[in-house]
PDB file of N, CA and C in Angstrom:
ATOM      1  N   MET A   1      -7.477  12.959   2.859  1.00  0.00           N
ATOM      2  CA  MET A   1      -6.514  12.491   1.888  1.00  0.00           C
ATOM      3  C   MET A   1      -5.181  12.262   2.587  1.00  0.00           C
ATOM      4  N   THR A   2      -4.489  11.199   2.260  1.00  0.00           N
ATOM      5  CA  THR A   2      -3.184  10.901   2.839  1.00  0.00           C
ATOM      6  C   THR A   2      -2.115  10.985   1.761  1.00  0.00           C
ATOM      7  N   ALA A   3      -0.857  10.989   2.188  1.00  0.00           N
ATOM      8  CA  ALA A   3       0.260  11.052   1.249  1.00  0.00           C
ATOM      9  C   ALA A   3       0.331   9.753   0.460  1.00  0.00           C
ATOM     10  N   PRO A   4       0.598   9.830  -0.853  1.00  0.00           N
ATOM     11  CA  PRO A   4       0.737   8.618  -1.648  1.00  0.00           C
ATOM     12  C   PRO A   4       1.913   7.775  -1.149  1.00  0.00           C
ATOM     13  N   ALA A   5       1.795   6.468  -1.240  1.00  0.00           N
ATOM     14  CA  ALA A   5       2.831   5.568  -0.737  1.00  0.00           C
ATOM     15  C   ALA A   5       4.166   5.761  -1.450  1.00  0.00           C
ATOM     16  N   ASP A   6       4.152   6.174  -2.717  1.00  0.00           N
ATOM     17  CA  ASP A   6       5.409   6.361  -3.447  1.00  0.00           C
ATOM     18  C   ASP A   6       6.010   7.745  -3.232  1.00  0.00           C
ATOM     19  N   ASN A   7       5.386   8.554  -2.412  1.00  0.00           N
ATOM     20  CA  ASN A   7       5.882   9.888  -2.103  1.00  0.00           C
ATOM     21  C   ASN A   7       7.068   9.749  -1.150  1.00  0.00           C
ATOM     22  N   PRO A   8       8.269  10.265  -1.528  1.00  0.00           N
ATOM     23  CA  PRO A   8       9.425  10.121  -0.634  1.00  0.00           C
ATOM     24  C   PRO A   8       9.214  10.811   0.707  1.00  0.00           C
ATOM     25  N   CYS A   9       8.275  11.724   0.799  1.00  0.00           N
ATOM     26  CA  CYS A   9       8.003  12.414   2.053  1.00  0.00           C
ATOM     27  C   CYS A   9       7.436  11.476   3.113  1.00  0.00           C
ATOM     28  N   THR A  10       6.871  10.352   2.713  1.00  0.00           N
ATOM     29  CA  THR A  10       6.299   9.429   3.686  1.00  0.00           C
ATOM     30  C   THR A  10       7.369   8.630   4.411  1.00  0.00           C
ATOM     31  N   ARG A  11       8.625   8.794   3.996  1.00  0.00           N
ATOM     32  CA  ARG A  11       9.695   8.092   4.704  1.00  0.00           C
ATOM     33  C   ARG A  11      10.902   8.971   4.982  1.00  0.00           C
ATOM     34  N   CYS A  12      10.914  10.228   4.546  1.00  0.00           N
ATOM     35  CA  CYS A  12      12.070  11.100   4.683  1.00  0.00           C
ATOM     36  C   CYS A  12      11.973  11.980   5.926  1.00  0.00           C
ATOM     37  N   GLY A  13      11.187  13.049   5.868  1.00  0.00           N
ATOM     38  CA  GLY A  13      11.013  13.943   7.006  1.00  0.00           C
ATOM     39  C   GLY A  13      12.123  14.954   7.205  1.00  0.00           C
ATOM     40  N   ALA A  14      13.102  14.997   6.302  1.00  0.00           N
ATOM     41  CA  ALA A  14      14.239  15.913   6.475  1.00  0.00           C
ATOM     42  C   ALA A  14      13.798  17.373   6.505  1.00  0.00           C
ATOM     43  N   CYS A  15      12.836  17.742   5.688  1.00  0.00           N
ATOM     44  CA  CYS A  15      12.376  19.138   5.672  1.00  0.00           C
ATOM     45  C   CYS A  15      11.734  19.510   7.007  1.00  0.00           C
ATOM     46  N   CYS A  16      11.061  18.568   7.630  1.00  0.00           N
ATOM     47  CA  CYS A  16      10.382  18.810   8.908  1.00  0.00           C
ATOM     48  C   CYS A  16      11.375  18.973  10.051  1.00  0.00           C
ATOM     49  N   ALA A  17      12.620  18.623   9.808  1.00  0.00           N
ATOM     50  CA  ALA A  17      13.661  18.741  10.822  1.00  0.00           C
ATOM     51  C   ALA A  17      14.790  19.641  10.317  1.00  0.00           C
ATOM     52  N   SER A  18      14.422  20.623   9.475  1.00  0.00           N
ATOM     53  CA  SER A  18      15.437  21.518   8.910  1.00  0.00           C
ATOM     54  C   SER A  18      15.037  22.985   8.863  1.00  0.00           C
ATOM     55  N   PHE A  19      13.754  23.282   8.750  1.00  0.00           N
ATOM     56  CA  PHE A  19      13.321  24.647   8.481  1.00  0.00           C
ATOM     57  C   PHE A  19      12.303  25.156   9.503  1.00  0.00           C
ATOM     58  N   ARG A  20      12.306  26.469   9.693  1.00  0.00           N
ATOM     59  CA  ARG A  20      11.264  27.111  10.503  1.00  0.00           C
ATOM     60  C   ARG A  20      10.002  27.183   9.636  1.00  0.00           C
ATOM     61  N   VAL A  21       8.851  26.951  10.242  1.00  0.00           N
ATOM     62  CA  VAL A  21       7.582  26.953   9.507  1.00  0.00           C
ATOM     63  C   VAL A  21       6.657  28.010  10.102  1.00  0.00           C
ATOM     64  N   ASP A  22       6.587  29.161   9.434  1.00  0.00           N
ATOM     65  CA  ASP A  22       5.688  30.250   9.821  1.00  0.00           C
ATOM     66  C   ASP A  22       4.523  30.315   8.841  1.00  0.00           C
ATOM     67  N   PHE A  23       3.357  30.699   9.342  1.00  0.00           N
ATOM     68  CA  PHE A  23       2.178  30.769   8.485  1.00  0.00           C
ATOM     69  C   PHE A  23       1.155  31.713   9.101  1.00  0.00           C
ATOM     70  N   ALA A  24       0.144  32.044   8.334  1.00  0.00           N
ATOM     71  CA  ALA A  24      -0.892  32.990   8.768  1.00  0.00           C
ATOM     72  C   ALA A  24      -1.719  32.412   9.913  1.00  0.00           C
ATOM     73  N   ARG A  25      -2.011  33.249  10.872  1.00  0.00           N
ATOM     74  CA  ARG A  25      -2.801  32.872  12.045  1.00  0.00           C
ATOM     75  C   ARG A  25      -4.141  32.231  11.660  1.00  0.00           C
ATOM     76  N   GLU A  26      -4.702  32.648  10.549  1.00  0.00           N
ATOM     77  CA  GLU A  26      -5.992  32.120  10.096  1.00  0.00           C
ATOM     78  C   GLU A  26      -5.954  30.620   9.822  1.00  0.00           C
ATOM     79  N   GLU A  27      -4.776  30.050   9.648  1.00  0.00           N
ATOM     80  CA  GLU A  27      -4.657  28.615   9.399  1.00  0.00           C
ATOM     81  C   GLU A  27      -4.755  27.795  10.681  1.00  0.00           C
ATOM     82  N   CYS A  28      -4.689  28.454  11.843  1.00  0.00           N
ATOM     83  CA  CYS A  28      -4.751  27.772  13.137  1.00  0.00           C
ATOM     84  C   CYS A  28      -6.179  27.353  13.456  1.00  0.00           C
ATOM     85  N   GLU A  29      -6.306  26.229  14.074  1.00  0.00           N
ATOM     86  CA  GLU A  29      -7.604  25.682  14.452  1.00  0.00           C
ATOM     87  C   GLU A  29      -8.435  26.675  15.261  1.00  0.00           C
ATOM     88  N   ASP A  30      -7.803  27.351  16.209  1.00  0.00           N
ATOM     89  CA  ASP A  30      -8.566  28.268  17.061  1.00  0.00           C
ATOM     90  C   ASP A  30      -8.954  29.563  16.352  1.00  0.00           C
ATOM     91  N   ALA A  31      -8.487  29.745  15.117  1.00  0.00           N
ATOM     92  CA  ALA A  31      -8.879  30.909  14.316  1.00  0.00           C
ATOM     93  C   ALA A  31      -9.718  30.479  13.113  1.00  0.00           C
ATOM     94  N   GLY A  32     -10.222  29.238  13.162  1.00  0.00           N
ATOM     95  CA  GLY A  32     -11.070  28.738  12.085  1.00  0.00           C
ATOM     96  C   GLY A  32     -10.344  27.918  11.038  1.00  0.00           C
ATOM     97  N   GLY A  33      -9.037  27.739  11.189  1.00  0.00           N
ATOM     98  CA  GLY A  33      -8.253  26.948  10.242  1.00  0.00           C
ATOM     99  C   GLY A  33      -8.206  25.483  10.641  1.00  0.00           C
ATOM    100  N   ARG A  34      -7.221  24.762  10.099  1.00  0.00           N
ATOM    101  CA  ARG A  34      -7.152  23.323  10.336  1.00  0.00           C
ATOM    102  C   ARG A  34      -5.913  22.863  11.096  1.00  0.00           C
ATOM    103  N   VAL A  35      -4.906  23.716  11.253  1.00  0.00           N
ATOM    104  CA  VAL A  35      -3.685  23.312  11.953  1.00  0.00           C
ATOM    105  C   VAL A  35      -3.981  23.233  13.451  1.00  0.00           C
ATOM    106  N   PRO A  36      -3.784  22.064  14.075  1.00  0.00           N
ATOM    107  CA  PRO A  36      -4.098  21.906  15.498  1.00  0.00           C
ATOM    108  C   PRO A  36      -3.373  22.922  16.375  1.00  0.00           C
ATOM    109  N   SER A  37      -4.125  23.620  17.197  1.00  0.00           N
ATOM    110  CA  SER A  37      -3.591  24.702  18.028  1.00  0.00           C
ATOM    111  C   SER A  37      -2.504  24.243  18.986  1.00  0.00           C
ATOM    112  N   GLY A  38      -2.552  23.010  19.445  1.00  0.00           N
ATOM    113  CA  GLY A  38      -1.556  22.505  20.367  1.00  0.00           C
ATOM    114  C   GLY A  38      -0.171  22.357  19.763  1.00  0.00           C
ATOM    115  N   LEU A  39      -0.093  22.397  18.441  1.00  0.00           N
ATOM    116  CA  LEU A  39       1.190  22.258  17.749  1.00  0.00           C
ATOM    117  C   LEU A  39       1.729  23.591  17.256  1.00  0.00           C
ATOM    118  N   VAL A  40       1.097  24.672  17.688  1.00  0.00           N
ATOM    119  CA  VAL A  40       1.386  25.998  17.163  1.00  0.00           C
ATOM    120  C   VAL A  40       1.903  26.931  18.258  1.00  0.00           C
ATOM    121  N   VAL A  41       2.854  27.781  17.887  1.00  0.00           N
ATOM    122  CA  VAL A  41       3.334  28.845  18.760  1.00  0.00           C
ATOM    123  C   VAL A  41       2.956  30.160  18.090  1.00  0.00           C
ATOM    124  N   GLU A  42       2.335  31.046  18.849  1.00  0.00           N
ATOM    125  CA  GLU A  42       1.968  32.354  18.288  1.00  0.00           C
ATOM    126  C   GLU A  42       3.221  33.226  18.209  1.00  0.00           C
ATOM    127  N   VAL A  43       3.479  33.802  17.032  1.00  0.00           N
ATOM    128  CA  VAL A  43       4.629  34.679  16.832  1.00  0.00           C
ATOM    129  C   VAL A  43       4.203  36.127  17.076  1.00  0.00           C
ATOM    130  N   ASN A  44       3.079  36.516  16.469  1.00  0.00           N
ATOM    131  CA  ASN A  44       2.488  37.838  16.679  1.00  0.00           C
ATOM    132  C   ASN A  44       0.999  37.745  16.355  1.00  0.00           C
ATOM    133  N   ASP A  45       0.322  38.871  16.223  1.00  0.00           N
ATOM    134  CA  ASP A  45      -1.125  38.859  15.965  1.00  0.00           C
ATOM    135  C   ASP A  45      -1.502  38.223  14.630  1.00  0.00           C
ATOM    136  N   HIS A  46      -0.555  38.131  13.706  1.00  0.00           N
ATOM    137  CA  HIS A  46      -0.860  37.673  12.355  1.00  0.00           C
ATOM    138  C   HIS A  46      -0.150  36.386  11.960  1.00  0.00           C
ATOM    139  N   THR A  47       0.844  35.971  12.735  1.00  0.00           N
ATOM    140  CA  THR A  47       1.696  34.850  12.331  1.00  0.00           C
ATOM    141  C   THR A  47       1.812  33.805  13.436  1.00  0.00           C
ATOM    142  N   CYS A  48       1.790  32.546  13.027  1.00  0.00           N
ATOM    143  CA  CYS A  48       2.024  31.422  13.921  1.00  0.00           C
ATOM    144  C   CYS A  48       3.194  30.608  13.386  1.00  0.00           C
ATOM    145  N   ARG A  49       3.707  29.708  14.215  1.00  0.00           N
ATOM    146  CA  ARG A  49       4.847  28.877  13.840  1.00  0.00           C
ATOM    147  C   ARG A  49       4.599  27.465  14.361  1.00  0.00           C
ATOM    148  N   MET A  50       4.989  26.487  13.573  1.00  0.00           N
ATOM    149  CA  MET A  50       4.888  25.105  14.043  1.00  0.00           C
ATOM    150  C   MET A  50       5.855  24.914  15.198  1.00  0.00           C
ATOM    151  N   ARG A  51       5.351  24.378  16.284  1.00  0.00           N
ATOM    152  CA  ARG A  51       6.144  24.156  17.495  1.00  0.00           C
ATOM    153  C   ARG A  51       7.360  23.274  17.161  1.00  0.00           C
ATOM    154  N   GLY A  52       8.507  23.702  17.658  1.00  0.00           N
ATOM    155  CA  GLY A  52       9.745  22.937  17.458  1.00  0.00           C
ATOM    156  C   GLY A  52      10.572  23.367  16.265  1.00  0.00           C
ATOM    157  N   THR A  53       9.990  24.149  15.358  1.00  0.00           N
ATOM    158  CA  THR A  53      10.738  24.502  14.150  1.00  0.00           C
ATOM    159  C   THR A  53      11.646  25.703  14.320  1.00  0.00           C
ATOM    160  N   ASP A  54      11.593  26.366  15.477  1.00  0.00           N
ATOM    161  CA  ASP A  54      12.484  27.507  15.681  1.00  0.00           C
ATOM    162  C   ASP A  54      13.642  27.165  16.616  1.00  0.00           C
ATOM    163  N   HIS A  55      13.855  25.907  16.906  1.00  0.00           N
ATOM    164  CA  HIS A  55      14.977  25.483  17.735  1.00  0.00           C
ATOM    165  C   HIS A  55      16.270  25.487  16.922  1.00  0.00           C
ATOM    166  N   ALA A  56      17.405  25.480  17.612  1.00  0.00           N
ATOM    167  CA  ALA A  56      18.704  25.440  16.928  1.00  0.00           C
ATOM    168  C   ALA A  56      18.797  24.199  16.037  1.00  0.00           C
ATOM    169  N   ARG A  57      18.236  23.104  16.509  1.00  0.00           N
ATOM    170  CA  ARG A  57      18.134  21.880  15.697  1.00  0.00           C
ATOM    171  C   ARG A  57      16.644  21.638  15.504  1.00  0.00           C
ATOM    172  N   PRO A  58      16.057  22.254  14.456  1.00  0.00           N
ATOM    173  CA  PRO A  58      14.603  22.191  14.291  1.00  0.00           C
ATOM    174  C   PRO A  58      14.078  20.767  14.129  1.00  0.00           C
ATOM    175  N   ARG A  59      12.907  20.562  14.683  1.00  0.00           N
ATOM    176  CA  ARG A  59      12.147  19.341  14.444  1.00  0.00           C
ATOM    177  C   ARG A  59      10.697  19.673  14.746  1.00  0.00           C
ATOM    178  N   CYS A  60       9.880  19.645  13.726  1.00  0.00           N
ATOM    179  CA  CYS A  60       8.475  19.972  13.874  1.00  0.00           C
ATOM    180  C   CYS A  60       7.813  19.000  14.850  1.00  0.00           C
ATOM    181  N   ALA A  61       6.972  19.537  15.711  1.00  0.00           N
ATOM    182  CA  ALA A  61       6.265  18.720  16.693  1.00  0.00           C
ATOM    183  C   ALA A  61       5.320  17.718  16.029  1.00  0.00           C
ATOM    184  N   ALA A  62       4.948  17.952  14.781  1.00  0.00           N
ATOM    185  CA  ALA A  62       4.041  17.039  14.078  1.00  0.00           C
ATOM    186  C   ALA A  62       4.779  15.894  13.379  1.00  0.00           C
ATOM    187  N   LEU A  63       6.113  15.953  13.350  1.00  0.00           N
ATOM    188  CA  LEU A  63       6.890  14.907  12.684  1.00  0.00           C
ATOM    189  C   LEU A  63       6.893  13.645  13.544  1.00  0.00           C
ATOM    190  N   VAL A  64       6.574  12.532  12.913  1.00  0.00           N
ATOM    191  CA  VAL A  64       6.540  11.236  13.576  1.00  0.00           C
ATOM    192  C   VAL A  64       7.599  10.348  12.933  1.00  0.00           C
ATOM    193  N   GLY A  65       8.317   9.576  13.722  1.00  0.00           N
ATOM    194  CA  GLY A  65       9.276   8.622  13.185  1.00  0.00           C
ATOM    195  C   GLY A  65      10.700   9.140  13.172  1.00  0.00           C
ATOM    196  N   ARG A  66      11.533   8.429  12.447  1.00  0.00           N
ATOM    197  CA  ARG A  66      12.960   8.732  12.370  1.00  0.00           C
ATOM    198  C   ARG A  66      13.293   9.279  10.980  1.00  0.00           C
ATOM    199  N   VAL A  67      13.899  10.459  10.940  1.00  0.00           N
ATOM    200  CA  VAL A  67      14.247  11.120   9.678  1.00  0.00           C
ATOM    201  C   VAL A  67      15.109  10.194   8.818  1.00  0.00           C
ATOM    202  N   GLY A  68      14.706  10.077   7.555  1.00  0.00           N
ATOM    203  CA  GLY A  68      15.460   9.289   6.588  1.00  0.00           C
ATOM    204  C   GLY A  68      15.150   7.815   6.568  1.00  0.00           C
ATOM    205  N   GLU A  69      14.422   7.340   7.540  1.00  0.00           N
ATOM    206  CA  GLU A  69      14.092   5.915   7.586  1.00  0.00           C
ATOM    207  C   GLU A  69      12.599   5.708   7.365  1.00  0.00           C
ATOM    208  N   ARG A  70      11.837   6.181   8.309  1.00  0.00           N
ATOM    209  CA  ARG A  70      10.379   6.093   8.202  1.00  0.00           C
ATOM    210  C   ARG A  70       9.823   7.254   9.003  1.00  0.00           C
ATOM    211  N   ALA A  71       9.592   8.353   8.326  1.00  0.00           N
ATOM    212  CA  ALA A  71       9.104   9.563   8.980  1.00  0.00           C
ATOM    213  C   ALA A  71       7.926  10.106   8.183  1.00  0.00           C
ATOM    214  N   TRP A  72       6.987  10.705   8.873  1.00  0.00           N
ATOM    215  CA  TRP A  72       5.823  11.266   8.208  1.00  0.00           C
ATOM    216  C   TRP A  72       5.223  12.367   9.057  1.00  0.00           C
ATOM    217  N   CYS A  73       4.366  13.137   8.436  1.00  0.00           N
ATOM    218  CA  CYS A  73       3.676  14.220   9.123  1.00  0.00           C
ATOM    219  C   CYS A  73       2.450  13.645   9.835  1.00  0.00           C
ATOM    220  N   GLY A  74       2.386  13.860  11.136  1.00  0.00           N
ATOM    221  CA  GLY A  74       1.258  13.377  11.913  1.00  0.00           C
ATOM    222  C   GLY A  74      -0.032  14.146  11.656  1.00  0.00           C
ATOM    223  N   ILE A  75       0.078  15.295  10.997  1.00  0.00           N
ATOM    224  CA  ILE A  75      -1.115  16.103  10.675  1.00  0.00           C
ATOM    225  C   ILE A  75      -1.161  16.390   9.171  1.00  0.00           C
ATOM    226  N   TYR A  76      -0.738  15.438   8.365  1.00  0.00           N
ATOM    227  CA  TYR A  76      -0.610  15.649   6.921  1.00  0.00           C
ATOM    228  C   TYR A  76      -1.836  16.341   6.315  1.00  0.00           C
ATOM    229  N   GLU A  77      -3.020  15.894   6.647  1.00  0.00           N
ATOM    230  CA  GLU A  77      -4.248  16.465   6.077  1.00  0.00           C
ATOM    231  C   GLU A  77      -4.482  17.902   6.533  1.00  0.00           C
ATOM    232  N   TRP A  78      -3.900  18.280   7.680  1.00  0.00           N
ATOM    233  CA  TRP A  78      -4.144  19.597   8.267  1.00  0.00           C
ATOM    234  C   TRP A  78      -2.886  20.466   8.299  1.00  0.00           C
ATOM    235  N   ARG A  79      -1.825  20.032   7.612  1.00  0.00           N
ATOM    236  CA  ARG A  79      -0.561  20.778   7.654  1.00  0.00           C
ATOM    237  C   ARG A  79      -0.735  22.182   7.092  1.00  0.00           C
ATOM    238  N   PRO A  80       0.104  23.143   7.553  1.00  0.00           N
ATOM    239  CA  PRO A  80      -0.025  24.530   7.097  1.00  0.00           C
ATOM    240  C   PRO A  80       0.482  24.729   5.676  1.00  0.00           C
ATOM    241  N   SER A  81       0.165  25.876   5.113  1.00  0.00           N
ATOM    242  CA  SER A  81       0.484  26.169   3.716  1.00  0.00           C
ATOM    243  C   SER A  81       1.963  26.037   3.361  1.00  0.00           C
ATOM    244  N   PRO A  82       2.925  26.469   4.198  1.00  0.00           N
ATOM    245  CA  PRO A  82       4.326  26.294   3.786  1.00  0.00           C
ATOM    246  C   PRO A  82       4.679  24.819   3.565  1.00  0.00           C
ATOM    247  N   CYS A  83       4.078  23.945   4.332  1.00  0.00           N
ATOM    248  CA  CYS A  83       4.328  22.512   4.170  1.00  0.00           C
ATOM    249  C   CYS A  83       3.661  21.988   2.900  1.00  0.00           C
ATOM    250  N   ARG A  84       2.487  22.500   2.606  1.00  0.00           N
ATOM    251  CA  ARG A  84       1.788  22.098   1.375  1.00  0.00           C
ATOM    252  C   ARG A  84       2.525  22.577   0.135  1.00  0.00           C
ATOM    253  N   GLU A  85       3.180  23.730   0.259  1.00  0.00           N
ATOM    254  CA  GLU A  85       3.878  24.327  -0.883  1.00  0.00           C
ATOM    255  C   GLU A  85       5.289  23.803  -1.067  1.00  0.00           C
ATOM    256  N   PHE A  86       5.838  23.159  -0.049  1.00  0.00           N
ATOM    257  CA  PHE A  86       7.209  22.659  -0.128  1.00  0.00           C
ATOM    258  C   PHE A  86       7.290  21.596  -1.204  1.00  0.00           C
ATOM    259  N   GLY A  87       8.258  21.699  -2.085  1.00  0.00           N
ATOM    260  CA  GLY A  87       8.336  20.786  -3.226  1.00  0.00           C
ATOM    261  C   GLY A  87       9.367  19.700  -3.079  1.00  0.00           C
ATOM    262  N   ALA A  88       8.942  18.503  -2.771  1.00  0.00           N
ATOM    263  CA  ALA A  88       9.867  17.378  -2.712  1.00  0.00           C
ATOM    264  C   ALA A  88      10.244  16.925  -4.109  1.00  0.00           C
ATOM    265  N   ARG A  89       9.408  17.231  -5.079  1.00  0.00           N
ATOM    266  CA  ARG A  89       9.677  16.733  -6.427  1.00  0.00           C
ATOM    267  C   ARG A  89       9.552  17.830  -7.468  1.00  0.00           C
ATOM    268  N   SER A  90      10.480  17.813  -8.373  1.00  0.00           N
ATOM    269  CA  SER A  90      10.405  18.694  -9.531  1.00  0.00           C
ATOM    270  C   SER A  90       9.575  17.981 -10.591  1.00  0.00           C
ATOM    271  N   PRO A  91       9.312  18.640 -11.743  1.00  0.00           N
ATOM    272  CA  PRO A  91       8.558  17.948 -12.798  1.00  0.00           C
ATOM    273  C   PRO A  91       9.237  16.665 -13.276  1.00  0.00           C
ATOM    274  N   LEU A  92      10.540  16.530 -13.039  1.00  0.00           N
ATOM    275  CA  LEU A  92      11.259  15.327 -13.451  1.00  0.00           C
ATOM    276  C   LEU A  92      11.265  14.248 -12.368  1.00  0.00           C
ATOM    277  N   GLY A  93      10.611  14.519 -11.245  1.00  0.00           N
ATOM    278  CA  GLY A  93      10.550  13.541 -10.172  1.00  0.00           C
ATOM    279  C   GLY A  93      11.731  13.618  -9.223  1.00  0.00           C
ATOM    280  N   LEU A  94      12.520  14.699  -9.293  1.00  0.00           N
ATOM    281  CA  LEU A  94      13.684  14.863  -8.438  1.00  0.00           C
ATOM    282  C   LEU A  94      13.384  15.892  -7.366  1.00  0.00           C
ATOM    283  N   GLY A  95      14.117  15.863  -6.272  1.00  0.00           N
ATOM    284  CA  GLY A  95      13.911  16.822  -5.199  1.00  0.00           C
ATOM    285  C   GLY A  95      14.297  18.226  -5.611  1.00  0.00           C
ATOM    286  N   ASP A  96      13.562  19.243  -5.128  1.00  0.00           N
ATOM    287  CA  ASP A  96      13.930  20.623  -5.428  1.00  0.00           C
ATOM    288  C   ASP A  96      15.110  21.029  -4.545  1.00  0.00           C
ATOM    289  N   ASP A  97      15.632  22.243  -4.724  1.00  0.00           N
ATOM    290  CA  ASP A  97      16.833  22.683  -4.007  1.00  0.00           C
ATOM    291  C   ASP A  97      16.667  22.636  -2.485  1.00  0.00           C
ATOM    292  N   ALA A  98      15.546  23.131  -1.977  1.00  0.00           N
ATOM    293  CA  ALA A  98      15.332  23.136  -0.529  1.00  0.00           C
ATOM    294  C   ALA A  98      15.243  21.708   0.006  1.00  0.00           C
ATOM    295  N   CYS A  99      14.591  20.838  -0.727  1.00  0.00           N
ATOM    296  CA  CYS A  99      14.496  19.431  -0.333  1.00  0.00           C
ATOM    297  C   CYS A  99      15.888  18.819  -0.283  1.00  0.00           C
ATOM    298  N   GLU A 100      16.675  19.058  -1.297  1.00  0.00           N
ATOM    299  CA  GLU A 100      18.022  18.479  -1.351  1.00  0.00           C
ATOM    300  C   GLU A 100      18.906  19.024  -0.226  1.00  0.00           C
ATOM    301  N   ARG A 101      18.764  20.329   0.111  1.00  0.00           N
ATOM    302  CA  ARG A 101      19.534  20.898   1.228  1.00  0.00           C
ATOM    303  C   ARG A 101      19.137  20.230   2.544  1.00  0.00           C
ATOM    304  N   ALA A 102      17.840  20.026   2.732  1.00  0.00           N
ATOM    305  CA  ALA A 102      17.365  19.377   3.962  1.00  0.00           C
ATOM    306  C   ALA A 102      17.884  17.945   4.043  1.00  0.00           C
ATOM    307  N   ARG A 103      17.830  17.231   2.949  1.00  0.00           N
ATOM    308  CA  ARG A 103      18.318  15.853   2.933  1.00  0.00           C
ATOM    309  C   ARG A 103      19.811  15.808   3.228  1.00  0.00           C
ATOM    310  N   ALA A 104      20.571  16.719   2.634  1.00  0.00           N
ATOM    311  CA  ALA A 104      22.021  16.765   2.867  1.00  0.00           C
ATOM    312  C   ALA A 104      22.321  17.057   4.337  1.00  0.00           C
ATOM    313  N   ARG A 105      21.535  17.939   4.941  1.00  0.00           N
ATOM    314  CA  ARG A 105      21.716  18.288   6.352  1.00  0.00           C
ATOM    315  C   ARG A 105      21.617  17.058   7.250  1.00  0.00           C
ATOM    316  N   HIS A 106      20.847  16.087   6.813  1.00  0.00           N
ATOM    317  CA  HIS A 106      20.647  14.873   7.593  1.00  0.00           C
ATOM    318  C   HIS A 106      21.429  13.677   7.044  1.00  0.00           C
ATOM    319  N   GLY A 107      22.376  13.959   6.140  1.00  0.00           N
ATOM    320  CA  GLY A 107      23.222  12.904   5.596  1.00  0.00           C
ATOM    321  C   GLY A 107      22.519  11.969   4.628  1.00  0.00           C
ATOM    322  N   LEU A 108      21.423  12.437   4.041  1.00  0.00           N
ATOM    323  CA  LEU A 108      20.668  11.610   3.091  1.00  0.00           C
ATOM    324  C   LEU A 108      21.090  11.948   1.661  1.00  0.00           C
ATOM    325  N   PRO A 109      21.101  10.968   0.778  1.00  0.00           N
ATOM    326  CA  PRO A 109      21.467  11.242  -0.611  1.00  0.00           C
ATOM    327  C   PRO A 109      20.376  12.036  -1.320  1.00  0.00           C
ATOM    328  N   PRO A 110      20.735  12.768  -2.369  1.00  0.00           N
ATOM    329  CA  PRO A 110      19.706  13.490  -3.136  1.00  0.00           C
ATOM    330  C   PRO A 110      18.713  12.511  -3.754  1.00  0.00           C
ATOM    331  N   LEU A 111      17.499  12.978  -3.955  1.00  0.00           N
ATOM    332  CA  LEU A 111      16.502  12.112  -4.605  1.00  0.00           C
ATOM    333  C   LEU A 111      16.909  11.803  -6.037  1.00  0.00           C
ATOM    334  N   SER A 112      17.733  12.660  -6.611  1.00  0.00           N
ATOM    335  CA  SER A 112      18.161  12.458  -8.004  1.00  0.00           C
ATOM    336  C   SER A 112      19.222  11.368  -8.117  1.00  0.00           C
ATOM    337  N   ALA A 113      19.778  10.922  -6.983  1.00  0.00           N
ATOM    338  CA  ALA A 113      20.843   9.909  -7.024  1.00  0.00           C
ATOM    339  C   ALA A 113      20.269   8.520  -7.322  1.00  0.00           C
TER     340      ALA A 113
END
């Protein structure tokens, strides 16, 4: 399954260049999960992190393209749970608080604008 064309995440990418992404080791490919192991940094015996998201200026290694113009997740179908749970849209079709903070960090207008 791929992201719907009208999904603002298929052209934004601000969240992928704003937050650290930690998740359970079981989600990693080498532990039976789906997140490609080459994009993962082991934090401890139970936790992994998407490579690049713990830098001072985070940018997930799976992010493709230019933030705010045409950006997308290169592993959308296999992305970890924090990425699946991140809410770009509220029930009204507007960005949630974390989405809006990420967009603001990159000089992008709120989705509600």
